[in-house]
Protein backbone atom coordinates (compact mmCIF):
# COMPACT_ATOMS: atom_id res chain seq x y z
CA UNK A 1 -0.37 -0.08 0.15
CA UNK A 2 0.95 3.55 -0.94
CA UNK A 3 2.59 5.46 2.47
CA UNK A 4 3.84 8.90 0.61
CA UNK A 5 1.53 11.80 0.24
CA UNK A 6 -1.71 10.06 2.10
CA UNK A 7 -3.82 12.83 1.77
CA UNK A 8 -2.87 13.00 -2.21
CA UNK A 9 -3.28 9.07 -2.50
CA UNK A 10 -6.53 8.80 -0.81
CA UNK A 11 -8.11 11.28 -3.02
CA UNK A 12 -6.56 9.45 -6.33
CA UNK A 13 -7.90 6.28 -5.18
CA UNK A 14 -11.27 7.26 -3.80
CA UNK A 15 -12.49 7.88 -7.69
CA UNK A 16 -11.44 3.82 -8.04
CA UNK A 17 -14.63 2.84 -5.64
CA UNK A 18 -17.54 4.40 -7.89
CA UNK A 19 -20.88 2.94 -9.30
CA UNK A 20 -19.00 0.73 -11.79
CA UNK A 21 -17.25 -1.02 -9.15
CA UNK A 22 -20.39 -1.55 -7.20
CA UNK A 23 -22.34 -2.92 -10.32
CA UNK A 24 -19.94 -5.55 -11.02
CA UNK A 25 -19.88 -6.24 -7.18
CA UNK A 26 -23.77 -6.51 -7.41
CA UNK A 27 -23.40 -8.71 -10.30
CA UNK A 28 -20.62 -11.55 -9.18
CA UNK A 29 -22.57 -11.85 -5.66
CA UNK A 30 -26.04 -12.44 -7.73
CA UNK A 31 -23.89 -15.03 -9.74
CA UNK A 32 -23.50 -16.89 -6.81
CA UNK A 33 -26.55 -16.06 -4.47
CA UNK A 34 -29.37 -15.29 -6.97
CA UNK A 35 -31.58 -13.96 -4.46
CA UNK A 36 -29.23 -11.11 -3.75
CA UNK A 37 -31.27 -7.82 -3.83
CA UNK A 38 -28.70 -6.04 -6.68
CA UNK A 39 -31.02 -3.09 -7.60
CA UNK A 40 -31.36 -2.04 -3.82
CA UNK A 41 -27.67 -2.82 -3.33
CA UNK A 42 -26.43 -0.70 -6.16
CA UNK A 43 -28.36 2.76 -4.87
CA UNK A 44 -25.24 2.71 -2.54
CA UNK A 45 -23.18 4.27 -5.53
CA UNK A 46 -25.40 7.60 -5.42
CA UNK A 47 -24.25 8.20 -2.11
CA UNK A 48 -20.22 7.97 -2.96
CA UNK A 49 -19.55 10.69 -4.99
CA UNK A 50 -19.83 13.32 -1.87
CA UNK A 51 -17.75 10.75 0.23
CA UNK A 52 -13.83 10.15 0.62
CA UNK A 53 -11.76 6.85 0.30
CA UNK A 54 -12.21 4.93 3.16
CA UNK A 55 -16.23 6.23 3.83
CA UNK A 56 -17.02 4.91 0.23
CA UNK A 57 -15.44 1.92 1.28
CA UNK A 58 -17.03 1.33 4.90
CA UNK A 59 -20.28 2.19 3.18
CA UNK A 60 -20.13 -0.49 0.27
CA UNK A 61 -19.25 -2.65 3.37
CA UNK A 62 -22.55 -1.38 5.47
CA UNK A 63 -24.64 -2.47 2.07
CA UNK A 64 -23.16 -5.80 1.66
CA UNK A 65 -24.28 -6.76 5.68
CA UNK A 66 -27.51 -5.72 5.16
CA UNK A 67 -28.21 -7.23 1.64
CA UNK A 68 -26.14 -10.26 2.66
CA UNK A 69 -27.85 -13.47 4.99
CA UNK A 70 -27.18 -12.27 8.63
CA UNK A 71 -25.27 -15.68 9.52
CA UNK A 72 -21.66 -14.28 9.02
CA UNK A 73 -20.22 -17.57 7.82
CA UNK A 74 -22.79 -17.96 4.73
CA UNK A 75 -22.33 -14.21 3.95
CA UNK A 76 -18.67 -14.57 3.85
CA UNK A 77 -19.10 -18.20 1.71
CA UNK A 78 -20.39 -15.64 -0.69
CA UNK A 79 -18.19 -13.07 -0.72
CA UNK A 80 -15.41 -15.53 -1.34
CA UNK A 81 -16.81 -17.15 -4.29
CA UNK A 82 -17.65 -13.50 -5.80
CA UNK A 83 -13.89 -13.11 -5.67
CA UNK A 84 -12.70 -16.20 -6.59
CA UNK A 85 -14.81 -17.41 -8.53
CA UNK A 86 -16.24 -14.56 -10.91
CA UNK A 87 -18.89 -14.64 -13.73
CA UNK A 88 -17.78 -14.85 -16.95
CA UNK A 89 -19.76 -11.92 -18.18
CA UNK A 90 -18.36 -9.38 -16.14
CA UNK A 91 -15.12 -8.14 -15.13
CA UNK A 92 -13.49 -10.23 -12.22
CA UNK A 93 -12.61 -8.05 -8.46
CA UNK A 94 -9.40 -7.30 -8.06
CA UNK A 95 -7.27 -5.18 -6.15
CA UNK A 96 -9.02 -2.09 -4.16
CA UNK A 97 -12.52 -3.70 -5.99
CA UNK A 98 -12.11 -6.04 -3.05
CA UNK A 99 -11.37 -3.54 -0.22
CA UNK A 100 -14.91 -3.49 1.26
CA UNK A 101 -14.62 -7.53 1.52
CA UNK A 102 -11.77 -7.33 4.06
CA UNK A 103 -13.60 -4.61 5.72
CA UNK A 104 -16.36 -7.42 6.16
CA UNK A 105 -14.05 -9.87 7.26
CA UNK A 106 -12.25 -7.69 10.32
CA UNK A 107 -15.81 -6.12 11.00
CA UNK A 108 -17.98 -8.62 11.44
CA UNK A 109 -15.63 -12.00 11.61
CA UNK A 110 -13.90 -11.30 14.95
CA UNK A 111 -15.76 -14.00 16.68
CA UNK A 112 -14.91 -16.59 13.74
CA UNK A 113 -11.24 -16.74 13.97
CA UNK A 114 -10.63 -19.63 11.94
CA UNK A 115 -13.10 -18.79 9.16
CA UNK A 116 -11.82 -14.99 8.96
CA UNK A 117 -8.41 -15.44 8.65
CA UNK A 118 -8.68 -17.96 5.84
CA UNK A 119 -10.60 -15.54 3.91
CA UNK A 120 -8.04 -13.05 4.35
CA UNK A 121 -5.30 -15.47 3.51
CA UNK A 122 -7.21 -16.30 -0.12
CA UNK A 123 -7.87 -12.65 -0.50
CA UNK A 124 -4.71 -11.40 0.36
CA UNK A 125 -3.16 -12.50 -3.20
CA UNK A 126 -5.76 -9.98 -4.83
CA UNK A 127 -6.08 -7.10 -2.46
CA UNK A 128 -3.70 -7.17 0.80
CA UNK A 129 -5.24 -8.02 4.10
CA UNK A 130 -2.94 -5.84 5.84
CA UNK A 131 -5.39 -3.83 7.15
CA UNK A 132 -7.71 -6.75 8.05
CA UNK A 133 -5.65 -8.53 9.98
CA UNK A 134 -4.83 -5.98 12.68
CA UNK A 135 -8.10 -6.38 14.63
CA UNK A 136 -7.36 -9.86 14.99
CA UNK A 137 -4.11 -9.23 16.37
CA UNK A 138 -5.51 -6.67 18.99
CA UNK A 139 -8.27 -9.32 19.77
CA UNK A 140 -6.38 -12.62 19.69
CA UNK A 141 -2.81 -11.70 19.95
CA UNK A 142 -1.30 -14.86 20.73
CA UNK A 143 -3.36 -17.18 18.38
CA UNK A 144 -2.76 -14.46 15.42
CA UNK A 145 0.67 -14.48 15.50
CA UNK A 146 0.85 -18.20 15.26
CA UNK A 147 -0.83 -18.27 12.29
CA UNK A 148 1.34 -15.30 11.13
CA UNK A 149 4.60 -17.73 12.13
CA UNK A 150 3.13 -20.26 10.09
CA UNK A 151 1.86 -17.89 7.10
CA UNK A 152 5.78 -16.76 7.10
CA UNK A 153 6.64 -20.42 5.50
CA UNK A 154 4.05 -20.13 2.95
CA UNK A 155 4.61 -19.98 -0.14
CA UNK A 156 2.62 -17.29 -1.69
CA UNK A 157 4.77 -14.06 -1.58
CA UNK A 158 1.59 -12.15 -1.00
CA UNK A 159 0.75 -14.38 2.20
CA UNK A 160 4.22 -13.73 3.40
CA UNK A 161 4.46 -10.25 2.91
CA UNK A 162 1.01 -9.97 4.95
CA UNK A 163 3.02 -11.26 7.60
CA UNK A 164 5.37 -8.36 7.81
CA UNK A 165 2.99 -5.92 6.78
CA UNK A 166 0.01 -6.62 8.54
CA UNK A 167 1.78 -6.66 11.72
CA UNK A 168 3.80 -3.48 11.24
CA UNK A 169 3.26 -1.19 14.50
CA UNK A 170 2.79 2.30 12.77
CA UNK A 171 1.40 1.02 9.32
CA UNK A 172 -0.17 3.88 7.19
CA UNK A 173 -3.78 4.03 6.67
CA UNK A 174 -3.97 1.08 9.47
CA UNK A 175 -5.18 0.90 13.09
CA UNK A 176 -1.95 1.30 15.66
CA UNK A 177 -0.70 -2.02 17.30
CA UNK A 178 -0.07 -0.31 20.58
CA UNK A 179 0.97 -3.20 22.05
CA UNK A 180 3.64 -3.74 19.21
CA UNK A 181 4.59 0.05 19.36
CA UNK A 182 5.21 -0.65 23.12
CA UNK A 183 6.77 -3.74 22.81
CA UNK A 184 8.04 -4.85 19.35
CA UNK A 185 10.15 -8.31 20.32
CA UNK A 186 7.06 -10.38 19.25
CA UNK A 187 7.09 -9.24 15.52
CA UNK A 188 11.00 -8.90 15.10
CA UNK A 189 10.71 -13.01 15.42
CA UNK A 190 8.49 -12.47 12.28
CA UNK A 191 10.86 -10.55 10.96
CA UNK A 192 13.55 -12.66 11.27
CA UNK A 193 12.09 -15.15 9.06
CA UNK A 194 11.75 -13.12 6.15
CA UNK A 195 14.50 -10.98 6.11
CA UNK A 196 16.33 -13.27 3.68
CA UNK A 197 13.28 -13.86 1.49
CA UNK A 198 13.58 -13.89 -2.21
CA UNK A 199 11.10 -11.15 -3.03
CA UNK A 200 11.90 -7.96 -2.53
CA UNK A 201 7.86 -7.34 -2.27
CA UNK A 202 8.46 -9.03 0.96
CA UNK A 203 12.00 -7.95 2.03
CA UNK A 204 10.61 -4.52 1.24
CA UNK A 205 7.79 -4.90 4.11
CA UNK A 206 10.28 -5.90 6.21
CA UNK A 207 12.24 -2.65 6.27
CA UNK A 208 9.02 -0.69 6.46
CA UNK A 209 8.67 -2.79 9.29
CA UNK A 210 11.41 -2.02 11.37
CA UNK A 211 11.73 1.62 10.35
CA UNK A 212 8.41 1.67 11.79
CA UNK A 213 9.97 0.09 14.98
CA UNK A 214 12.75 2.46 15.06
CA UNK A 215 10.44 5.64 15.29
CA UNK A 216 9.93 4.14 18.99
CA UNK A 217 13.07 2.25 19.65
CA UNK A 218 15.80 3.73 17.70
CA UNK A 219 18.92 1.62 19.27
CA UNK A 220 16.81 -1.21 19.24
CA UNK A 221 16.25 -0.72 15.38
CA UNK A 222 20.22 -0.21 15.18
CA UNK A 223 20.74 -3.69 16.93
CA UNK A 224 18.46 -5.32 15.02
CA UNK A 225 20.05 -4.14 11.88
CA UNK A 226 23.70 -4.35 13.09
CA UNK A 227 23.05 -8.12 14.21
CA UNK A 228 21.41 -8.80 10.78
CA UNK A 229 24.18 -7.27 9.12
CA UNK A 230 26.55 -9.66 11.01
CA UNK A 231 24.98 -12.77 11.09
CA UNK A 232 24.02 -12.80 6.92
CA UNK A 233 25.44 -15.49 5.23
CA UNK A 234 27.60 -13.72 2.00
CA UNK A 235 24.77 -14.90 -0.14
CA UNK A 236 22.34 -12.36 1.83
CA UNK A 237 24.41 -9.45 2.21
CA UNK A 238 23.25 -7.44 -0.38
CA UNK A 239 19.90 -8.38 0.28
CA UNK A 240 20.17 -7.52 3.95
CA UNK A 241 22.56 -4.38 3.10
CA UNK A 242 19.53 -3.36 1.26
CA UNK A 243 16.87 -3.56 4.18
CA UNK A 244 19.11 -2.14 6.76
CA UNK A 245 19.48 1.20 4.63
CA UNK A 246 15.68 1.25 3.89
CA UNK A 247 14.94 0.68 7.58
CA UNK A 248 17.20 3.05 9.05
CA UNK A 249 15.97 6.01 6.77
CA UNK A 250 14.34 7.98 9.30
CA UNK A 251 17.15 7.84 11.81
CA UNK A 252 19.74 9.05 8.75
CA UNK A 253 17.29 12.07 8.42
CA UNK A 254 17.38 12.45 12.27
CA UNK A 255 20.94 12.31 12.32
CA UNK A 256 21.24 9.30 14.43
CA UNK A 257 24.87 8.88 15.27
CA UNK A 258 24.72 4.96 16.05
CA UNK A 259 22.48 4.55 12.71
CA UNK A 260 24.92 6.54 10.78
CA UNK A 261 28.23 5.11 12.05
CA UNK A 262 26.42 1.51 11.47
CA UNK A 263 26.46 2.52 7.46
CA UNK A 264 29.97 4.05 7.33
CA UNK A 265 29.01 7.33 7.89
CA UNK A 266 31.11 8.90 10.58
CA UNK A 267 30.54 12.34 12.37
CA UNK A 268 32.75 14.18 10.73
CA UNK A 269 33.45 17.87 12.55
CA UNK A 270 36.09 18.70 9.69
CA UNK A 271 34.37 18.21 6.66
CA UNK A 272 33.32 21.97 5.41
CA UNK A 273 30.74 23.65 3.19
CA UNK A 274 31.79 26.49 1.34
CA UNK A 275 30.70 29.21 -1.21
CA UNK A 276 26.99 28.38 -0.25
CA UNK A 277 24.40 30.02 -2.40
CA UNK A 278 20.95 30.76 -2.97
CA UNK A 279 19.90 32.08 -6.50
CA UNK A 280 17.40 34.52 -5.01
CA UNK A 281 16.63 35.61 -1.56
CA UNK A 282 12.83 35.55 -2.72
CA UNK A 283 10.37 32.50 -4.25
CA UNK A 284 6.98 32.97 -4.97
CA UNK A 285 4.69 29.76 -4.37
CA UNK A 286 4.59 27.70 -7.71
CA UNK A 287 8.42 28.35 -8.24
CA UNK A 288 11.43 27.00 -7.44
CA UNK A 289 14.79 27.97 -5.79
CA UNK A 290 17.91 26.86 -6.28
CA UNK A 291 20.74 26.60 -4.50
CA UNK A 292 24.32 25.65 -4.51
CA UNK A 293 27.46 24.48 -2.23
CA UNK A 294 30.98 23.14 -2.44
CA UNK A 295 32.09 20.15 0.19
CA UNK A 296 35.52 19.61 1.34
CA UNK A 297 37.47 17.12 3.97
CA UNK A 298 40.77 16.48 4.62
CA UNK A 299 40.24 12.97 4.27
CA UNK A 300 38.55 10.83 2.06
CA UNK A 301 35.13 9.85 3.32
CA UNK A 302 31.49 8.55 2.21
CA UNK A 303 28.88 11.54 3.15
CA UNK A 304 25.63 11.55 2.97
CA UNK A 305 23.74 14.94 2.27
CA UNK A 306 20.76 15.97 3.03
CA UNK A 307 19.03 19.61 3.08
CA UNK A 308 16.24 20.80 5.01
CA UNK A 309 13.53 23.45 4.43
CA UNK A 310 12.33 25.43 7.39
CA UNK A 311 8.68 25.95 6.34
CA UNK A 312 7.09 28.68 7.99
CA UNK A 313 3.83 27.66 9.56
CA UNK A 314 0.63 29.25 10.34
CA UNK A 315 1.86 30.27 14.36
CA UNK A 316 4.89 32.06 13.05
CA UNK A 317 7.08 29.53 14.03
CA UNK A 318 9.14 26.98 11.30
CA UNK A 319 9.35 23.18 11.20
CA UNK A 320 11.97 21.49 9.26
CA UNK A 321 11.40 18.72 6.40
CA UNK A 322 14.34 17.18 5.42
CA UNK A 323 14.90 15.80 1.88
CA UNK A 324 17.82 13.53 0.30
CA UNK A 325 20.47 15.08 -1.83
CA UNK A 326 23.17 13.07 -2.65
CA UNK A 327 25.75 10.09 -1.04
CA UNK A 328 29.16 10.96 -2.52
CA UNK A 329 32.61 9.67 -1.94
CA UNK A 330 34.73 12.65 -0.81
CA UNK A 331 38.11 12.80 -1.77
CA UNK A 332 41.10 14.41 0.81
CA UNK A 333 40.95 18.37 -0.18
CA UNK A 334 39.20 18.37 -3.56
CA UNK A 335 35.89 20.53 -3.40
CA UNK A 336 32.75 18.64 -4.24
CA UNK A 337 30.37 20.70 -6.17
CA UNK A 338 27.07 20.35 -5.70
CA UNK A 339 23.61 22.13 -6.89
CA UNK A 340 19.79 21.22 -6.23
CA UNK A 341 16.71 22.87 -7.29
CA UNK A 342 13.79 22.67 -4.76
CA UNK A 343 10.01 22.67 -5.99
CA UNK A 344 7.45 24.99 -3.92
CA UNK A 345 4.60 23.62 -6.32
CA UNK A 346 1.42 23.03 -4.41
CA UNK A 347 0.77 19.88 -2.91
CA UNK A 348 -1.89 18.30 -1.20
CA UNK A 349 -0.13 17.46 1.77
CA UNK A 350 1.29 21.10 2.62
CA UNK A 351 0.31 24.68 3.05
CA UNK A 352 2.65 27.16 2.38
CA UNK A 353 2.65 30.37 4.61
CA UNK A 354 4.76 33.28 3.58
CA UNK A 355 7.17 34.47 5.22
CA UNK A 356 11.03 33.91 6.21
CA UNK A 357 12.04 29.97 5.55
CA UNK A 358 15.60 28.54 5.84
CA UNK A 359 17.45 25.93 4.26
CA UNK A 360 20.15 23.95 6.03
CA UNK A 361 22.86 21.80 4.85
CA UNK A 362 23.05 18.53 6.58
CA UNK A 363 26.54 16.10 6.13
CA UNK A 364 26.57 12.76 7.93
CA UNK A 365 24.17 13.77 10.40
CA UNK A 366 25.95 17.18 11.12
CA UNK A 367 23.94 20.68 10.24
CA UNK A 368 26.89 22.63 8.30
CA UNK A 369 25.39 25.56 6.98
CA UNK A 370 21.95 27.52 6.78
CA UNK A 371 20.75 30.45 4.84
CA UNK A 372 17.14 31.94 4.78
CA UNK A 373 15.17 33.54 2.08
CA UNK A 374 11.15 34.78 1.81
CA UNK A 375 8.48 33.06 0.42
CA UNK A 376 5.74 35.26 -1.26
CA UNK A 377 2.21 33.52 -1.75
CA UNK A 378 1.26 36.14 -4.23
């Protein structure tokens, strides 16, 4: 599931949940459940345009509950047939089409554990069950963890990914797993079984999961990453190095010394920034600001270069946002020239306020230079 720019992602995805989807859903259900009141069910489509993504999906789920048998197991069986044995006369349901189905399982199936988790295992190869498994982890943690340990060996990579993604403490769009936020030991056991997975799709989830852990337990995340790097057999070293770099990205942006050291970025007090210049002192929203500088070191070293934009807030204070710039091998006493153009094009996830802003350069977690400019909204 996408995690970046949540508001804009939701805005784009909501249009997938529309009248066409409602009609196809009704058709596939009626194919297996002839007495299904399709015309009544399709009326839900009239209410969708006024709603955002999740409310659209939840409303469809409500209508499914109303028009399917009141017995959960019977209703689930119909939904599973509609998902896995579609009518040949209509485009099958896939991807976000099935979100209301997994929502149905998590909302109404908590008392029928075996049937529900089996349905999620089947559905996750068509649409991720990462959201729907979370209420089961909250209500029946031990029982659900036992299932996830079994799924970690499943031949289907979608199921293996669900093990990691579904148990992430801070999954975007998903309900937070507060017990695992407090103590992630049990989910780390799951990651141990998945860290060498052959599928990048699975390993990326492992990295994102460890990144979640790093937000609440930075030292533990670095310890786990260090352990993985030391223990990795030669044939898996490339995989683990990628996971660790991706997993520690939040700590690297924060300049965490332990994370930087683990990945070979020393705290370099003697690195200097020279000739730091902004192309202009004023920039309008919608335009870009170019800046440039030279980087110099007395010795050969690897440097990770980030920059921070301190955005003006509505209350007059500024808040920094870290952006990646480059990773370079810096040769002793040679000046490395760097240039970057930063866009202030309006985006749905940020409101720009006029006033004094700052750009700051960070090298291996150390802030080395700062310059100010004025942002104009008109």
